[in-house]
Amino acid sequence: MRTSVEIKTSSWKQKNDYTIAQAVLDAFKWNWNTINNSIYVQVMNGQVTLTGKLEWHYQKEAATRAVNNLIGVKEVVNNISVDSKLIIPINKKNIKRALKNHVALDYASIVIAIYKNDIILKGTVDSFYQKELAEKITWKTPGVRNVKNNLKVIHEPIEK
């Protein structure tokens, strides 16, 4: 899964790639959620590409957040993989309960498939917001290594 955030900067904020790379490494040192010796950084024309392996999805998200506001960064491509060493049995009921407890989701139309520690979400939701929300909630389940979001957005016409 490729996560990309593009940021436009004015000309006075231009930095060379080496300076940006140093700023990224410094940002990782200050961010306790990232493990900086597990992340490799490449900068080309202001595009920061992150690779490596981390144990938790929140660490991957924290890596993007740590660098996307740095001066000179035009785009962040997060190719970090999540590879938890812990194999925690995932209980489908816990995921369903978490989805059910969120008022913005119609959990009944979401089907959850589990293969080892990978989760596949299928079914339908009413909006892209709900699709993204279901994925975020699923990622918070302990032991999840990967989430494939195959939810389809179906817009129901409003009857007058």
N, C-alpha and C. Protein backbone atom coordinates (compact mmCIF):
# COMPACT_ATOMS: atom_id res chain seq x y z
N MET A 1 0.85 -1.17 0.00
CA MET A 1 0.00 0.00 0.00
C MET A 1 0.89 1.23 0.00
N ARG A 2 0.65 2.13 -0.91
CA ARG A 2 1.46 3.35 -1.02
C ARG A 2 0.66 4.50 -0.44
N THR A 3 1.29 5.20 0.49
CA THR A 3 0.68 6.38 1.08
C THR A 3 1.46 7.58 0.59
N SER A 4 0.78 8.55 -0.01
CA SER A 4 1.47 9.69 -0.58
C SER A 4 0.76 10.97 -0.19
N VAL A 5 1.54 11.96 0.24
CA VAL A 5 1.01 13.27 0.58
C VAL A 5 1.84 14.29 -0.18
N GLU A 6 1.21 15.11 -1.02
CA GLU A 6 1.95 16.12 -1.78
C GLU A 6 1.71 17.48 -1.16
N ILE A 7 2.81 18.23 -0.97
CA ILE A 7 2.74 19.53 -0.33
C ILE A 7 3.42 20.56 -1.22
N LYS A 8 2.73 21.64 -1.54
CA LYS A 8 3.30 22.72 -2.35
C LYS A 8 4.01 23.71 -1.43
N THR A 9 5.18 24.18 -1.87
CA THR A 9 5.93 25.15 -1.07
C THR A 9 6.27 26.36 -1.92
N SER A 10 6.43 27.50 -1.27
CA SER A 10 6.84 28.71 -1.99
C SER A 10 8.35 28.67 -2.19
N SER A 11 8.86 29.49 -3.09
CA SER A 11 10.28 29.44 -3.46
C SER A 11 11.22 29.73 -2.30
N TRP A 12 10.81 30.56 -1.33
CA TRP A 12 11.71 30.87 -0.22
C TRP A 12 11.88 29.69 0.73
N LYS A 13 11.04 28.69 0.60
CA LYS A 13 11.14 27.53 1.47
C LYS A 13 11.92 26.38 0.83
N GLN A 14 12.54 26.61 -0.31
CA GLN A 14 13.27 25.56 -1.00
C GLN A 14 14.55 25.20 -0.22
N LYS A 15 14.77 23.93 -0.04
CA LYS A 15 15.97 23.41 0.62
C LYS A 15 16.57 22.35 -0.29
N ASN A 16 17.88 22.12 -0.15
CA ASN A 16 18.46 21.06 -0.95
C ASN A 16 18.15 19.71 -0.30
N ASP A 17 18.29 18.65 -1.07
CA ASP A 17 17.89 17.32 -0.61
C ASP A 17 18.67 16.86 0.62
N TYR A 18 19.95 17.19 0.68
CA TYR A 18 20.75 16.80 1.83
C TYR A 18 20.22 17.45 3.11
N THR A 19 19.90 18.74 3.05
CA THR A 19 19.36 19.46 4.21
C THR A 19 18.02 18.87 4.64
N ILE A 20 17.19 18.52 3.66
CA ILE A 20 15.89 17.91 3.97
C ILE A 20 16.10 16.56 4.64
N ALA A 21 17.02 15.75 4.12
CA ALA A 21 17.29 14.43 4.71
C ALA A 21 17.76 14.57 6.15
N GLN A 22 18.62 15.53 6.42
CA GLN A 22 19.08 15.77 7.80
C GLN A 22 17.91 16.17 8.69
N ALA A 23 17.02 17.02 8.18
CA ALA A 23 15.85 17.45 8.96
C ALA A 23 14.93 16.26 9.25
N VAL A 24 14.78 15.36 8.28
CA VAL A 24 13.95 14.16 8.48
C VAL A 24 14.55 13.29 9.59
N LEU A 25 15.85 13.06 9.54
CA LEU A 25 16.50 12.25 10.57
C LEU A 25 16.38 12.90 11.94
N ASP A 26 16.51 14.22 12.00
CA ASP A 26 16.33 14.93 13.26
C ASP A 26 14.89 14.80 13.77
N ALA A 27 13.92 14.87 12.86
CA ALA A 27 12.51 14.73 13.25
C ALA A 27 12.26 13.35 13.84
N PHE A 28 12.89 12.33 13.27
CA PHE A 28 12.73 10.98 13.82
C PHE A 28 13.34 10.86 15.21
N LYS A 29 14.45 11.55 15.44
CA LYS A 29 15.07 11.51 16.77
C LYS A 29 14.15 12.09 17.83
N TRP A 30 13.36 13.10 17.46
CA TRP A 30 12.48 13.78 18.41
C TRP A 30 11.12 13.11 18.55
N ASN A 31 10.79 12.19 17.66
CA ASN A 31 9.48 11.55 17.67
C ASN A 31 9.60 10.16 18.28
N TRP A 32 9.04 9.96 19.46
CA TRP A 32 9.18 8.69 20.17
C TRP A 32 8.40 7.56 19.50
N ASN A 33 7.46 7.86 18.60
CA ASN A 33 6.68 6.82 17.94
C ASN A 33 7.44 6.13 16.81
N THR A 34 8.50 6.76 16.33
CA THR A 34 9.24 6.17 15.22
C THR A 34 10.53 5.57 15.75
N ILE A 35 10.95 4.51 15.10
CA ILE A 35 12.21 3.88 15.44
C ILE A 35 13.16 4.21 14.30
N ASN A 36 13.97 5.26 14.50
CA ASN A 36 14.71 5.83 13.38
C ASN A 36 15.75 4.89 12.78
N ASN A 37 16.23 3.89 13.51
CA ASN A 37 17.21 2.99 12.91
C ASN A 37 16.54 1.91 12.06
N SER A 38 15.21 1.90 12.00
CA SER A 38 14.48 0.95 11.19
C SER A 38 13.90 1.58 9.92
N ILE A 39 14.10 2.88 9.77
CA ILE A 39 13.54 3.60 8.63
C ILE A 39 14.67 4.15 7.78
N TYR A 40 14.57 3.90 6.48
CA TYR A 40 15.55 4.42 5.53
C TYR A 40 14.91 5.58 4.78
N VAL A 41 15.69 6.63 4.58
CA VAL A 41 15.18 7.87 3.99
C VAL A 41 15.92 8.15 2.69
N GLN A 42 15.17 8.46 1.65
CA GLN A 42 15.75 8.92 0.39
C GLN A 42 15.03 10.20 0.01
N VAL A 43 15.78 11.22 -0.37
CA VAL A 43 15.19 12.50 -0.77
C VAL A 43 15.67 12.84 -2.17
N MET A 44 14.71 13.14 -3.05
CA MET A 44 15.06 13.55 -4.40
C MET A 44 14.10 14.65 -4.83
N ASN A 45 14.66 15.84 -5.07
CA ASN A 45 13.86 17.00 -5.49
C ASN A 45 12.72 17.31 -4.51
N GLY A 46 12.99 17.16 -3.24
CA GLY A 46 12.00 17.47 -2.22
C GLY A 46 11.02 16.35 -1.92
N GLN A 47 11.09 15.25 -2.67
CA GLN A 47 10.23 14.09 -2.40
C GLN A 47 10.95 13.17 -1.43
N VAL A 48 10.34 12.94 -0.28
CA VAL A 48 10.92 12.07 0.74
C VAL A 48 10.29 10.69 0.60
N THR A 49 11.12 9.67 0.42
CA THR A 49 10.64 8.29 0.35
C THR A 49 11.14 7.56 1.59
N LEU A 50 10.19 6.97 2.32
CA LEU A 50 10.51 6.23 3.54
C LEU A 50 10.33 4.75 3.26
N THR A 51 11.34 3.94 3.62
CA THR A 51 11.25 2.49 3.49
C THR A 51 11.75 1.86 4.78
N GLY A 52 11.50 0.59 4.93
CA GLY A 52 11.93 -0.14 6.11
C GLY A 52 10.79 -0.95 6.68
N LYS A 53 11.00 -1.48 7.88
CA LYS A 53 9.99 -2.29 8.56
C LYS A 53 9.79 -1.78 9.97
N LEU A 54 8.54 -1.68 10.36
CA LEU A 54 8.18 -1.33 11.73
C LEU A 54 7.19 -2.36 12.25
N GLU A 55 7.04 -2.42 13.57
CA GLU A 55 6.17 -3.44 14.16
C GLU A 55 4.70 -3.04 14.18
N TRP A 56 4.40 -1.75 14.17
CA TRP A 56 3.02 -1.32 14.35
C TRP A 56 2.64 -0.27 13.31
N HIS A 57 1.37 -0.30 12.92
CA HIS A 57 0.86 0.64 11.92
C HIS A 57 0.94 2.08 12.43
N TYR A 58 0.69 2.31 13.72
CA TYR A 58 0.75 3.68 14.24
C TYR A 58 2.15 4.28 14.06
N GLN A 59 3.19 3.43 14.09
CA GLN A 59 4.55 3.92 13.87
C GLN A 59 4.73 4.38 12.42
N LYS A 60 4.13 3.65 11.50
CA LYS A 60 4.20 4.03 10.08
C LYS A 60 3.52 5.38 9.88
N GLU A 61 2.34 5.55 10.47
CA GLU A 61 1.63 6.83 10.35
C GLU A 61 2.43 7.96 11.01
N ALA A 62 3.05 7.67 12.15
CA ALA A 62 3.83 8.68 12.87
C ALA A 62 5.03 9.13 12.03
N ALA A 63 5.61 8.22 11.27
CA ALA A 63 6.75 8.57 10.42
C ALA A 63 6.34 9.62 9.38
N THR A 64 5.18 9.44 8.77
CA THR A 64 4.70 10.42 7.80
C THR A 64 4.41 11.75 8.48
N ARG A 65 3.72 11.70 9.62
CA ARG A 65 3.39 12.94 10.33
C ARG A 65 4.64 13.69 10.78
N ALA A 66 5.70 12.95 11.11
CA ALA A 66 6.92 13.58 11.61
C ALA A 66 7.62 14.42 10.55
N VAL A 67 7.43 14.07 9.27
CA VAL A 67 8.20 14.75 8.22
C VAL A 67 7.37 15.57 7.25
N ASN A 68 6.06 15.40 7.19
CA ASN A 68 5.31 16.05 6.12
C ASN A 68 5.19 17.56 6.26
N ASN A 69 5.52 18.12 7.41
CA ASN A 69 5.47 19.58 7.57
C ASN A 69 6.85 20.24 7.59
N LEU A 70 7.88 19.47 7.31
CA LEU A 70 9.23 20.04 7.30
C LEU A 70 9.40 20.96 6.09
N ILE A 71 10.12 22.04 6.29
CA ILE A 71 10.36 23.00 5.21
C ILE A 71 11.15 22.31 4.10
N GLY A 72 10.66 22.48 2.87
CA GLY A 72 11.31 21.91 1.70
C GLY A 72 10.73 20.59 1.25
N VAL A 73 9.95 19.94 2.10
CA VAL A 73 9.35 18.65 1.73
C VAL A 73 8.14 18.92 0.84
N LYS A 74 8.19 18.37 -0.38
CA LYS A 74 7.09 18.55 -1.33
C LYS A 74 6.13 17.37 -1.30
N GLU A 75 6.67 16.19 -1.04
CA GLU A 75 5.85 14.98 -1.05
C GLU A 75 6.49 13.94 -0.14
N VAL A 76 5.65 13.15 0.53
CA VAL A 76 6.13 12.05 1.35
C VAL A 76 5.53 10.76 0.79
N VAL A 77 6.39 9.83 0.42
CA VAL A 77 5.95 8.51 -0.03
C VAL A 77 6.35 7.53 1.06
N ASN A 78 5.36 6.93 1.70
CA ASN A 78 5.62 6.04 2.81
C ASN A 78 5.49 4.59 2.35
N ASN A 79 6.63 3.96 2.08
CA ASN A 79 6.67 2.56 1.66
C ASN A 79 7.12 1.65 2.80
N ILE A 80 6.96 2.11 4.03
CA ILE A 80 7.33 1.30 5.19
C ILE A 80 6.35 0.15 5.32
N SER A 81 6.87 -1.05 5.54
CA SER A 81 5.98 -2.19 5.76
C SER A 81 5.82 -2.43 7.26
N VAL A 82 4.68 -2.97 7.61
CA VAL A 82 4.39 -3.29 9.00
C VAL A 82 4.55 -4.79 9.15
N ASP A 83 5.44 -5.20 10.04
CA ASP A 83 5.72 -6.61 10.23
C ASP A 83 5.85 -6.88 11.72
N SER A 84 4.72 -7.12 12.35
CA SER A 84 4.72 -7.36 13.79
C SER A 84 5.32 -8.72 14.10
N LYS A 85 6.23 -8.74 15.03
CA LYS A 85 6.82 -10.01 15.46
C LYS A 85 5.86 -10.79 16.34
N LEU A 86 4.91 -10.09 16.89
CA LEU A 86 3.92 -10.74 17.73
C LEU A 86 2.83 -11.34 16.86
N ILE A 87 2.55 -12.59 17.06
CA ILE A 87 1.43 -13.22 16.38
C ILE A 87 0.32 -13.36 17.42
N ILE A 88 -0.58 -12.41 17.38
CA ILE A 88 -1.68 -12.38 18.33
C ILE A 88 -2.92 -12.88 17.60
N PRO A 89 -3.59 -13.88 18.14
CA PRO A 89 -4.83 -14.32 17.49
C PRO A 89 -5.83 -13.17 17.44
N ILE A 90 -6.38 -12.94 16.28
CA ILE A 90 -7.32 -11.84 16.10
C ILE A 90 -8.74 -12.38 16.20
N ASN A 91 -9.51 -11.74 17.04
CA ASN A 91 -10.89 -12.13 17.25
C ASN A 91 -11.80 -11.25 16.40
N LYS A 92 -12.48 -11.87 15.45
CA LYS A 92 -13.37 -11.13 14.55
C LYS A 92 -14.45 -10.38 15.32
N LYS A 93 -14.89 -10.94 16.44
CA LYS A 93 -15.93 -10.29 17.25
C LYS A 93 -15.45 -8.95 17.80
N ASN A 94 -14.17 -8.87 18.15
CA ASN A 94 -13.63 -7.60 18.66
C ASN A 94 -13.65 -6.51 17.60
N ILE A 95 -13.33 -6.88 16.36
CA ILE A 95 -13.36 -5.90 15.27
C ILE A 95 -14.80 -5.47 15.01
N LYS A 96 -15.71 -6.45 14.94
CA LYS A 96 -17.13 -6.13 14.72
C LYS A 96 -17.66 -5.22 15.81
N ARG A 97 -17.29 -5.50 17.05
CA ARG A 97 -17.75 -4.68 18.18
C ARG A 97 -17.23 -3.25 18.04
N ALA A 98 -15.97 -3.10 17.66
CA ALA A 98 -15.40 -1.76 17.49
C ALA A 98 -16.11 -1.01 16.37
N LEU A 99 -16.41 -1.70 15.28
CA LEU A 99 -17.13 -1.07 14.17
C LEU A 99 -18.56 -0.70 14.59
N LYS A 100 -19.19 -1.60 15.34
CA LYS A 100 -20.56 -1.38 15.81
C LYS A 100 -20.64 -0.18 16.75
N ASN A 101 -19.62 0.02 17.56
CA ASN A 101 -19.64 1.09 18.55
C ASN A 101 -19.44 2.48 17.95
N HIS A 102 -19.09 2.55 16.68
CA HIS A 102 -18.92 3.87 16.06
C HIS A 102 -20.22 4.27 15.38
N VAL A 103 -20.77 5.38 15.82
CA VAL A 103 -22.08 5.83 15.37
C VAL A 103 -22.14 6.13 13.87
N ALA A 104 -21.02 6.46 13.26
CA ALA A 104 -21.02 6.86 11.85
C ALA A 104 -20.99 5.67 10.89
N LEU A 105 -20.91 4.44 11.42
CA LEU A 105 -20.80 3.27 10.55
C LEU A 105 -22.03 2.38 10.62
N ASP A 106 -22.40 1.83 9.47
CA ASP A 106 -23.41 0.77 9.43
C ASP A 106 -22.63 -0.54 9.36
N TYR A 107 -22.29 -1.06 10.52
CA TYR A 107 -21.40 -2.22 10.61
C TYR A 107 -22.00 -3.48 10.01
N ALA A 108 -23.32 -3.56 9.93
CA ALA A 108 -23.98 -4.78 9.46
C ALA A 108 -23.64 -5.11 8.01
N SER A 109 -23.25 -4.11 7.23
CA SER A 109 -22.94 -4.35 5.82
C SER A 109 -21.45 -4.60 5.57
N ILE A 110 -20.68 -4.72 6.65
CA ILE A 110 -19.23 -4.94 6.53
C ILE A 110 -18.91 -6.38 6.88
N VAL A 111 -18.22 -7.05 5.96
CA VAL A 111 -17.80 -8.44 6.16
C VAL A 111 -16.30 -8.43 6.44
N ILE A 112 -15.89 -9.18 7.46
CA ILE A 112 -14.48 -9.22 7.85
C ILE A 112 -13.93 -10.62 7.57
N ALA A 113 -12.84 -10.67 6.82
CA ALA A 113 -12.14 -11.93 6.58
C ALA A 113 -10.76 -11.83 7.22
N ILE A 114 -10.34 -12.89 7.90
CA ILE A 114 -9.05 -12.90 8.58
C ILE A 114 -8.21 -14.04 8.02
N TYR A 115 -7.00 -13.71 7.61
CA TYR A 115 -6.02 -14.70 7.19
C TYR A 115 -4.75 -14.44 7.98
N LYS A 116 -4.47 -15.31 8.94
CA LYS A 116 -3.37 -15.11 9.89
C LYS A 116 -3.58 -13.76 10.58
N ASN A 117 -2.70 -12.81 10.35
CA ASN A 117 -2.85 -11.49 10.98
C ASN A 117 -3.16 -10.40 9.95
N ASP A 118 -3.66 -10.82 8.81
CA ASP A 118 -4.10 -9.90 7.76
C ASP A 118 -5.62 -9.86 7.74
N ILE A 119 -6.17 -8.66 7.58
CA ILE A 119 -7.61 -8.47 7.59
C ILE A 119 -8.05 -7.96 6.22
N ILE A 120 -9.16 -8.51 5.73
CA ILE A 120 -9.78 -8.02 4.50
C ILE A 120 -11.18 -7.54 4.85
N LEU A 121 -11.46 -6.29 4.50
CA LEU A 121 -12.79 -5.72 4.71
C LEU A 121 -13.54 -5.76 3.38
N LYS A 122 -14.75 -6.34 3.41
CA LYS A 122 -15.59 -6.42 2.21
C LYS A 122 -16.97 -5.88 2.57
N GLY A 123 -17.77 -5.65 1.55
CA GLY A 123 -19.12 -5.17 1.77
C GLY A 123 -19.29 -3.77 1.23
N THR A 124 -20.30 -3.08 1.76
CA THR A 124 -20.61 -1.74 1.27
C THR A 124 -20.73 -0.74 2.42
N VAL A 125 -20.41 0.50 2.10
CA VAL A 125 -20.61 1.63 3.02
C VAL A 125 -21.20 2.77 2.21
N ASP A 126 -21.69 3.79 2.92
CA ASP A 126 -22.38 4.90 2.26
C ASP A 126 -21.47 6.02 1.78
N SER A 127 -20.22 6.08 2.28
CA SER A 127 -19.35 7.20 1.92
C SER A 127 -17.88 6.79 2.00
N PHE A 128 -17.05 7.61 1.36
CA PHE A 128 -15.60 7.37 1.44
C PHE A 128 -15.11 7.59 2.87
N TYR A 129 -15.75 8.48 3.59
CA TYR A 129 -15.41 8.70 5.00
C TYR A 129 -15.61 7.41 5.79
N GLN A 130 -16.74 6.72 5.57
CA GLN A 130 -17.00 5.48 6.30
C GLN A 130 -16.01 4.39 5.90
N LYS A 131 -15.64 4.35 4.64
CA LYS A 131 -14.65 3.37 4.18
C LYS A 131 -13.32 3.58 4.90
N GLU A 132 -12.87 4.82 4.94
CA GLU A 132 -11.61 5.14 5.61
C GLU A 132 -11.70 4.89 7.12
N LEU A 133 -12.83 5.24 7.71
CA LEU A 133 -13.04 5.05 9.14
C LEU A 133 -13.00 3.57 9.52
N ALA A 134 -13.65 2.73 8.73
CA ALA A 134 -13.64 1.29 9.00
C ALA A 134 -12.22 0.74 8.98
N GLU A 135 -11.41 1.22 8.05
CA GLU A 135 -10.02 0.77 7.97
C GLU A 135 -9.23 1.23 9.19
N LYS A 136 -9.40 2.49 9.58
CA LYS A 136 -8.69 3.02 10.75
C LYS A 136 -9.05 2.25 12.01
N ILE A 137 -10.33 1.96 12.18
CA ILE A 137 -10.77 1.21 13.36
C ILE A 137 -10.16 -0.19 13.35
N THR A 138 -10.14 -0.83 12.19
CA THR A 138 -9.58 -2.18 12.08
C THR A 138 -8.09 -2.19 12.41
N TRP A 139 -7.36 -1.16 11.96
CA TRP A 139 -5.92 -1.09 12.25
C TRP A 139 -5.64 -1.04 13.75
N LYS A 140 -6.57 -0.56 14.53
CA LYS A 140 -6.35 -0.43 15.98
C LYS A 140 -6.47 -1.75 16.72
N THR A 141 -6.85 -2.80 16.03
CA THR A 141 -6.96 -4.11 16.66
C THR A 141 -5.57 -4.69 16.90
N PRO A 142 -5.28 -5.12 18.13
CA PRO A 142 -3.96 -5.69 18.41
C PRO A 142 -3.66 -6.89 17.52
N GLY A 143 -2.44 -6.92 16.99
CA GLY A 143 -1.99 -8.05 16.19
C GLY A 143 -2.19 -7.90 14.70
N VAL A 144 -2.90 -6.88 14.26
CA VAL A 144 -3.15 -6.70 12.83
C VAL A 144 -1.86 -6.30 12.13
N ARG A 145 -1.52 -7.06 11.09
CA ARG A 145 -0.31 -6.78 10.33
C ARG A 145 -0.62 -6.02 9.04
N ASN A 146 -1.79 -6.29 8.47
CA ASN A 146 -2.15 -5.64 7.22
C ASN A 146 -3.68 -5.56 7.12
N VAL A 147 -4.17 -4.48 6.52
CA VAL A 147 -5.61 -4.33 6.27
C VAL A 147 -5.79 -4.04 4.79
N LYS A 148 -6.55 -4.89 4.13
CA LYS A 148 -6.92 -4.66 2.73
C LYS A 148 -8.37 -4.20 2.72
N ASN A 149 -8.58 -2.98 2.29
CA ASN A 149 -9.91 -2.38 2.34
C ASN A 149 -10.60 -2.53 0.98
N ASN A 150 -11.45 -3.55 0.87
CA ASN A 150 -12.20 -3.79 -0.36
C ASN A 150 -13.64 -3.31 -0.24
N LEU A 151 -13.91 -2.43 0.71
CA LEU A 151 -15.26 -1.91 0.87
C LEU A 151 -15.64 -1.08 -0.35
N LYS A 152 -16.86 -1.23 -0.80
CA LYS A 152 -17.37 -0.45 -1.93
C LYS A 152 -18.28 0.64 -1.40
N VAL A 153 -18.14 1.83 -1.98
CA VAL A 153 -18.98 2.96 -1.59
C VAL A 153 -20.20 2.97 -2.51
N ILE A 154 -21.36 2.83 -1.90
CA ILE A 154 -22.63 2.85 -2.63
C ILE A 154 -23.42 4.05 -2.16
N HIS A 155 -23.67 4.97 -3.06
CA HIS A 155 -24.46 6.16 -2.72
C HIS A 155 -25.93 5.86 -2.99
N GLU A 156 -26.71 5.84 -1.94
CA GLU A 156 -28.15 5.64 -2.09
C GLU A 156 -28.80 6.98 -2.39
N PRO A 157 -29.65 7.05 -3.42
CA PRO A 157 -30.33 8.32 -3.68
C PRO A 157 -31.31 8.65 -2.56
N ILE A 158 -31.40 9.92 -2.25
CA ILE A 158 -32.32 10.37 -1.21
C ILE A 158 -33.70 10.53 -1.83
N GLU A 159 -34.67 9.86 -1.23
CA GLU A 159 -36.05 9.94 -1.74
C GLU A 159 -36.70 11.22 -1.27
N LYS A 160 -37.47 11.82 -2.16
CA LYS A 160 -38.15 13.07 -1.82
C LYS A 160 -39.56 12.80 -1.40
